[in-house]
Amino acid sequence: MTQDTTTNEPHEPTPEERAARDRVRRRAEGMTHHQTADALEAAEEAVGDLDAADTATRAEVAEWRRITDLLFDHGGPYAPETDAFVQGQLTARKNHRDIP
């Protein structure tokens, strides 16, 4: 049996996916690992069938997972300005816009 991995492939996020991730980051700011884990659990419960959810909803849950994993062994609260993944995205977007 083969598994469909196309949803896990890197892709350019849609505006809806970006907005969903940005909303999560704003909400997560200042949260601890336990708080983001609770928020992740609530988001997963609200969605129900994640495979049937729209891309923005899947992006939201994925961002909660990523931030929760990031904070797993981190002593402090979440801050986008210290999140290497977020900073890398911002740099890539800036560099992409600078290309003529």
C-alpha atoms as a PDB file:
ATOM      1  CA  MET A   1       0.000   0.000   0.000  1.00  0.00           C
ATOM      2  CA  THR A   2       1.382   3.419  -0.923  1.00  0.00           C
ATOM      3  CA  GLN A   3       0.822   6.527   1.103  1.00  0.00           C
ATOM      4  CA  ASP A   4      -0.098   9.871  -0.464  1.00  0.00           C
ATOM      5  CA  THR A   5       2.615  12.302   0.629  1.00  0.00           C
ATOM      6  CA  THR A   6       1.685  15.184  -1.657  1.00  0.00           C
ATOM      7  CA  THR A   7       0.141  17.115   1.246  1.00  0.00           C
ATOM      8  CA  ASN A   8       3.496  16.943   3.041  1.00  0.00           C
ATOM      9  CA  GLU A   9       5.465  18.310   0.108  1.00  0.00           C
ATOM     10  CA  PRO A  10       6.856  21.844   0.368  1.00  0.00           C
ATOM     11  CA  HIS A  11       4.671  24.372  -1.372  1.00  0.00           C
ATOM     12  CA  GLU A  12       4.029  28.082  -1.541  1.00  0.00           C
ATOM     13  CA  PRO A  13       1.383  28.756   1.126  1.00  0.00           C
ATOM     14  CA  THR A  14      -1.857  30.327   0.018  1.00  0.00           C
ATOM     15  CA  PRO A  15      -2.882  33.677   1.495  1.00  0.00           C
ATOM     16  CA  GLU A  16      -5.429  31.797   3.622  1.00  0.00           C
ATOM     17  CA  GLU A  17      -2.744  29.464   4.990  1.00  0.00           C
ATOM     18  CA  ARG A  18      -0.467  32.409   5.782  1.00  0.00           C
ATOM     19  CA  ALA A  19      -3.277  34.228   7.553  1.00  0.00           C
ATOM     20  CA  ALA A  20      -4.136  31.116   9.599  1.00  0.00           C
ATOM     21  CA  ARG A  21      -0.512  30.654  10.674  1.00  0.00           C
ATOM     22  CA  ASP A  22      -0.202  34.342  11.535  1.00  0.00           C
ATOM     23  CA  ARG A  23      -3.358  34.157  13.689  1.00  0.00           C
ATOM     24  CA  VAL A  24      -1.944  31.187  15.576  1.00  0.00           C
ATOM     25  CA  ARG A  25       1.381  32.953  16.114  1.00  0.00           C
ATOM     26  CA  ARG A  26      -0.350  36.028  17.500  1.00  0.00           C
ATOM     27  CA  ARG A  27      -2.465  33.902  19.854  1.00  0.00           C
ATOM     28  CA  ALA A  28       0.521  31.784  20.910  1.00  0.00           C
ATOM     29  CA  GLU A  29       2.708  34.737  21.795  1.00  0.00           C
ATOM     30  CA  GLY A  30       3.550  34.525  25.486  1.00  0.00           C
ATOM     31  CA  MET A  31       2.104  31.005  25.877  1.00  0.00           C
ATOM     32  CA  THR A  32       4.008  28.170  27.528  1.00  0.00           C
ATOM     33  CA  HIS A  33       4.267  24.626  26.199  1.00  0.00           C
ATOM     34  CA  HIS A  34       1.306  23.454  28.285  1.00  0.00           C
ATOM     35  CA  GLN A  35      -0.862  26.319  27.048  1.00  0.00           C
ATOM     36  CA  THR A  36      -0.028  25.673  23.391  1.00  0.00           C
ATOM     37  CA  ALA A  37      -0.655  21.951  23.917  1.00  0.00           C
ATOM     38  CA  ASP A  38      -4.118  22.817  25.255  1.00  0.00           C
ATOM     39  CA  ALA A  39      -4.738  25.126  22.292  1.00  0.00           C
ATOM     40  CA  LEU A  40      -3.599  22.392  19.886  1.00  0.00           C
ATOM     41  CA  GLU A  41      -5.937  19.893  21.507  1.00  0.00           C
ATOM     42  CA  ALA A  42      -8.842  22.349  21.280  1.00  0.00           C
ATOM     43  CA  ALA A  43      -8.085  23.075  17.615  1.00  0.00           C
ATOM     44  CA  GLU A  44      -7.924  19.364  16.774  1.00  0.00           C
ATOM     45  CA  GLU A  45     -11.202  18.690  18.583  1.00  0.00           C
ATOM     46  CA  ALA A  46     -12.909  21.611  16.836  1.00  0.00           C
ATOM     47  CA  VAL A  47     -11.850  20.333  13.417  1.00  0.00           C
ATOM     48  CA  GLY A  48     -12.859  16.724  13.849  1.00  0.00           C
ATOM     49  CA  ASP A  49     -11.778  15.162  10.548  1.00  0.00           C
ATOM     50  CA  LEU A  50      -8.591  17.018   9.682  1.00  0.00           C
ATOM     51  CA  ASP A  51      -8.308  15.312   6.285  1.00  0.00           C
ATOM     52  CA  ALA A  52     -11.659  16.817   5.283  1.00  0.00           C
ATOM     53  CA  ALA A  53     -10.801  20.305   6.551  1.00  0.00           C
ATOM     54  CA  ASP A  54      -9.893  23.209   4.290  1.00  0.00           C
ATOM     55  CA  THR A  55      -6.254  24.201   3.809  1.00  0.00           C
ATOM     56  CA  ALA A  56      -6.438  27.159   6.202  1.00  0.00           C
ATOM     57  CA  THR A  57      -7.745  24.949   8.999  1.00  0.00           C
ATOM     58  CA  ARG A  58      -5.074  22.338   8.344  1.00  0.00           C
ATOM     59  CA  ALA A  59      -2.438  25.100   8.382  1.00  0.00           C
ATOM     60  CA  GLU A  60      -3.766  26.363  11.716  1.00  0.00           C
ATOM     61  CA  VAL A  61      -3.545  22.934  13.331  1.00  0.00           C
ATOM     62  CA  ALA A  62      -0.108  22.348  11.811  1.00  0.00           C
ATOM     63  CA  GLU A  63       1.139  25.649  13.231  1.00  0.00           C
ATOM     64  CA  TRP A  64      -0.175  24.791  16.704  1.00  0.00           C
ATOM     65  CA  ARG A  65       1.660  21.461  16.427  1.00  0.00           C
ATOM     66  CA  ARG A  66       4.882  23.104  15.286  1.00  0.00           C
ATOM     67  CA  ILE A  67       4.833  25.703  18.071  1.00  0.00           C
ATOM     68  CA  THR A  68       3.933  23.090  20.692  1.00  0.00           C
ATOM     69  CA  ASP A  69       6.832  20.919  19.517  1.00  0.00           C
ATOM     70  CA  LEU A  70       9.139  23.946  19.528  1.00  0.00           C
ATOM     71  CA  LEU A  71       8.265  24.723  23.129  1.00  0.00           C
ATOM     72  CA  PHE A  72       8.572  21.111  24.314  1.00  0.00           C
ATOM     73  CA  ASP A  73      12.084  21.598  25.664  1.00  0.00           C
ATOM     74  CA  HIS A  74      12.045  25.388  25.756  1.00  0.00           C
ATOM     75  CA  GLY A  75      11.936  27.043  29.146  1.00  0.00           C
ATOM     76  CA  GLY A  76      10.133  30.227  28.226  1.00  0.00           C
ATOM     77  CA  PRO A  77       7.031  31.448  26.461  1.00  0.00           C
ATOM     78  CA  TYR A  78       6.581  31.559  22.697  1.00  0.00           C
ATOM     79  CA  ALA A  79       7.773  34.643  20.840  1.00  0.00           C
ATOM     80  CA  PRO A  80       7.704  34.881  17.022  1.00  0.00           C
ATOM     81  CA  GLU A  81      10.783  37.098  17.041  1.00  0.00           C
ATOM     82  CA  THR A  82      12.847  34.247  18.540  1.00  0.00           C
ATOM     83  CA  ASP A  83      11.274  31.519  16.374  1.00  0.00           C
ATOM     84  CA  ALA A  84      13.923  30.593  13.788  1.00  0.00           C
ATOM     85  CA  PHE A  85      11.292  29.098  11.457  1.00  0.00           C
ATOM     86  CA  VAL A  86       9.226  32.305  11.435  1.00  0.00           C
ATOM     87  CA  GLN A  87      12.296  34.481  10.971  1.00  0.00           C
ATOM     88  CA  GLY A  88      13.417  32.278   8.068  1.00  0.00           C
ATOM     89  CA  GLN A  89       9.994  32.647   6.430  1.00  0.00           C
ATOM     90  CA  LEU A  90      10.070  36.406   6.813  1.00  0.00           C
ATOM     91  CA  THR A  91      13.559  36.594   5.307  1.00  0.00           C
ATOM     92  CA  ALA A  92      12.556  34.352   2.397  1.00  0.00           C
ATOM     93  CA  ARG A  93       9.467  36.461   1.692  1.00  0.00           C
ATOM     94  CA  LYS A  94      11.525  39.655   1.788  1.00  0.00           C
ATOM     95  CA  ASN A  95      14.154  38.187  -0.545  1.00  0.00           C
ATOM     96  CA  HIS A  96      11.443  36.866  -2.875  1.00  0.00           C
ATOM     97  CA  ARG A  97       9.921  40.363  -3.138  1.00  0.00           C
ATOM     98  CA  ASP A  98      13.366  41.872  -3.871  1.00  0.00           C
ATOM     99  CA  ILE A  99      13.819  39.704  -6.982  1.00  0.00           C
ATOM    100  CA  PRO A 100      13.068  41.783 -10.121  1.00  0.00           C
END
